[in-house]
Amino acid sequence: MKLLKRNDLPLQPGTADIVFSICYNTDEWELINKYAKRFVKAGVKLRQTSFDTWMRFAAKRGDTESLWKIEKLRSDSMKQHTLATGFSCAKVANPFTPVFVTYCVLSFSFAQSCT
């Protein structure tokens, strides 16, 4: 990211994929959120793989609030769910979040029936 800034290069979807996967592999939750905000603020249209990585990381941490926010961003920019986003939503299922899981499963089913 320092090289991008130093050389005044624009943020791109492919760069987000690389940064998100590095943050995921090094278990850097704070960094992935920091850089995600930068990409979103810059108006970069994130790829499905970026959202999948980000949601998988949030699910791994059990962070339902972040999953809500990521899912909102993802659904605003894309109209289809993938199997990975559906499982990320369902992975955090517990007795205290039935509405969230139901929403994710229903929207996943609806998106699949529309394709």
Protein backbone atom coordinates (compact mmCIF):
# COMPACT_ATOMS: atom_id res chain seq x y z
CA MET A 1 0.00 0.00 0.00
CA LYS A 2 2.93 2.32 0.67
CA LEU A 3 4.18 1.77 -2.88
CA LEU A 4 0.77 2.61 -4.29
CA LYS A 5 0.63 5.81 -2.29
CA ARG A 6 4.23 6.80 -3.01
CA ASN A 7 3.81 6.31 -6.76
CA ASP A 8 0.35 7.91 -6.75
CA LEU A 9 -1.27 4.82 -8.29
CA PRO A 10 -5.06 4.41 -8.18
CA LEU A 11 -6.65 1.73 -6.04
CA GLN A 12 -8.01 -1.13 -8.16
CA PRO A 13 -10.15 -4.25 -7.57
CA GLY A 14 -7.19 -6.58 -8.23
CA THR A 15 -5.14 -4.76 -5.62
CA ALA A 16 -7.96 -5.24 -3.12
CA ASP A 17 -7.93 -9.00 -3.81
CA ILE A 18 -4.21 -9.16 -3.07
CA VAL A 19 -4.37 -6.97 0.04
CA PHE A 20 -7.39 -8.81 1.46
CA SER A 21 -5.81 -12.24 0.95
CA ILE A 22 -2.55 -11.10 2.59
CA CYS A 23 -4.49 -9.71 5.58
CA TYR A 24 -6.53 -12.93 5.82
CA ASN A 25 -3.46 -15.18 5.64
CA THR A 26 -1.59 -13.14 8.27
CA ASP A 27 -4.68 -12.87 10.51
CA GLU A 28 -4.70 -9.05 10.47
CA TRP A 29 -8.35 -8.15 11.08
CA GLU A 30 -7.65 -4.48 11.84
CA LEU A 31 -5.66 -4.07 8.62
CA ILE A 32 -8.28 -5.67 6.39
CA ASN A 33 -10.89 -3.29 7.82
CA LYS A 34 -8.59 -0.29 7.48
CA TYR A 35 -7.80 -1.03 3.85
CA ALA A 36 -11.39 -2.02 3.02
CA LYS A 37 -12.51 1.42 4.17
CA ARG A 38 -9.90 3.01 1.91
CA PHE A 39 -10.98 0.98 -1.10
CA VAL A 40 -14.69 1.64 -0.52
CA LYS A 41 -14.10 5.35 0.14
CA ALA A 42 -12.11 5.59 -3.11
CA GLY A 43 -15.08 4.12 -4.98
CA VAL A 44 -13.36 0.88 -5.99
CA LYS A 45 -15.86 -1.77 -7.12
CA LEU A 46 -14.66 -4.75 -5.10
CA ARG A 47 -14.70 -8.16 -6.75
CA GLN A 48 -16.67 -11.10 -5.42
CA THR A 49 -13.42 -12.74 -4.27
CA SER A 50 -12.62 -9.71 -2.11
CA PHE A 51 -16.03 -9.86 -0.46
CA ASP A 52 -15.70 -13.64 0.01
CA THR A 53 -12.33 -13.25 1.74
CA TRP A 54 -13.56 -10.39 3.91
CA MET A 55 -16.76 -12.24 4.90
CA ARG A 56 -14.87 -15.49 5.56
CA PHE A 57 -12.55 -13.58 7.89
CA ALA A 58 -15.48 -11.97 9.74
CA ALA A 59 -17.18 -15.37 10.07
CA LYS A 60 -13.96 -16.92 11.36
CA ARG A 61 -13.86 -14.26 14.06
CA GLY A 62 -17.59 -14.63 14.78
CA ASP A 63 -18.13 -10.92 14.17
CA THR A 64 -21.80 -10.71 13.18
CA GLU A 65 -21.91 -6.92 13.13
CA SER A 66 -19.11 -6.77 10.58
CA LEU A 67 -20.82 -9.48 8.54
CA TRP A 68 -23.96 -7.30 8.40
CA LYS A 69 -21.95 -4.32 7.15
CA ILE A 70 -19.96 -6.34 4.61
CA GLU A 71 -23.12 -8.03 3.33
CA LYS A 72 -24.79 -4.63 2.94
CA LEU A 73 -21.83 -3.33 0.90
CA ARG A 74 -21.75 -6.53 -1.14
CA SER A 75 -25.47 -6.51 -1.88
CA ASP A 76 -25.31 -2.84 -2.92
CA SER A 77 -22.57 -3.54 -5.45
CA MET A 78 -23.59 -7.04 -6.60
CA LYS A 79 -26.92 -8.67 -7.14
CA GLN A 80 -25.89 -12.30 -6.66
CA HIS A 81 -24.89 -14.30 -3.64
CA THR A 82 -22.32 -17.02 -3.97
CA LEU A 83 -22.16 -20.22 -2.02
CA ALA A 84 -19.27 -18.77 0.00
CA THR A 85 -21.24 -15.71 1.16
CA GLY A 86 -24.19 -17.90 2.09
CA PHE A 87 -21.97 -20.15 4.18
CA SER A 88 -20.20 -17.20 5.78
CA CYS A 89 -23.56 -15.95 6.96
CA ALA A 90 -24.68 -19.36 8.19
CA LYS A 91 -21.34 -20.10 9.86
CA VAL A 92 -21.95 -17.59 12.63
CA ALA A 93 -25.33 -19.13 13.41
CA ASN A 94 -26.18 -19.37 17.06
CA PRO A 95 -29.46 -19.18 19.00
CA PHE A 96 -29.06 -15.43 19.43
CA THR A 97 -28.92 -14.53 15.72
CA PRO A 98 -31.77 -16.42 14.02
CA VAL A 99 -33.00 -13.37 12.10
CA PHE A 100 -29.59 -12.72 10.54
CA VAL A 101 -29.10 -16.33 9.49
CA THR A 102 -32.64 -16.53 8.13
CA TYR A 103 -32.07 -13.33 6.13
CA CYS A 104 -28.83 -14.64 4.64
CA VAL A 105 -30.25 -18.05 3.77
CA LEU A 106 -33.40 -16.55 2.24
CA SER A 107 -31.52 -13.95 0.23
CA PHE A 108 -29.07 -16.63 -0.94
CA SER A 109 -31.97 -18.85 -2.03
CA PHE A 110 -33.74 -15.95 -3.74
CA ALA A 111 -30.59 -14.87 -5.58
CA GLN A 112 -30.00 -18.42 -6.79
CA SER A 113 -33.58 -18.76 -8.05
CA CYS A 114 -33.26 -15.49 -10.00
CA THR A 115 -30.24 -16.63 -12.00
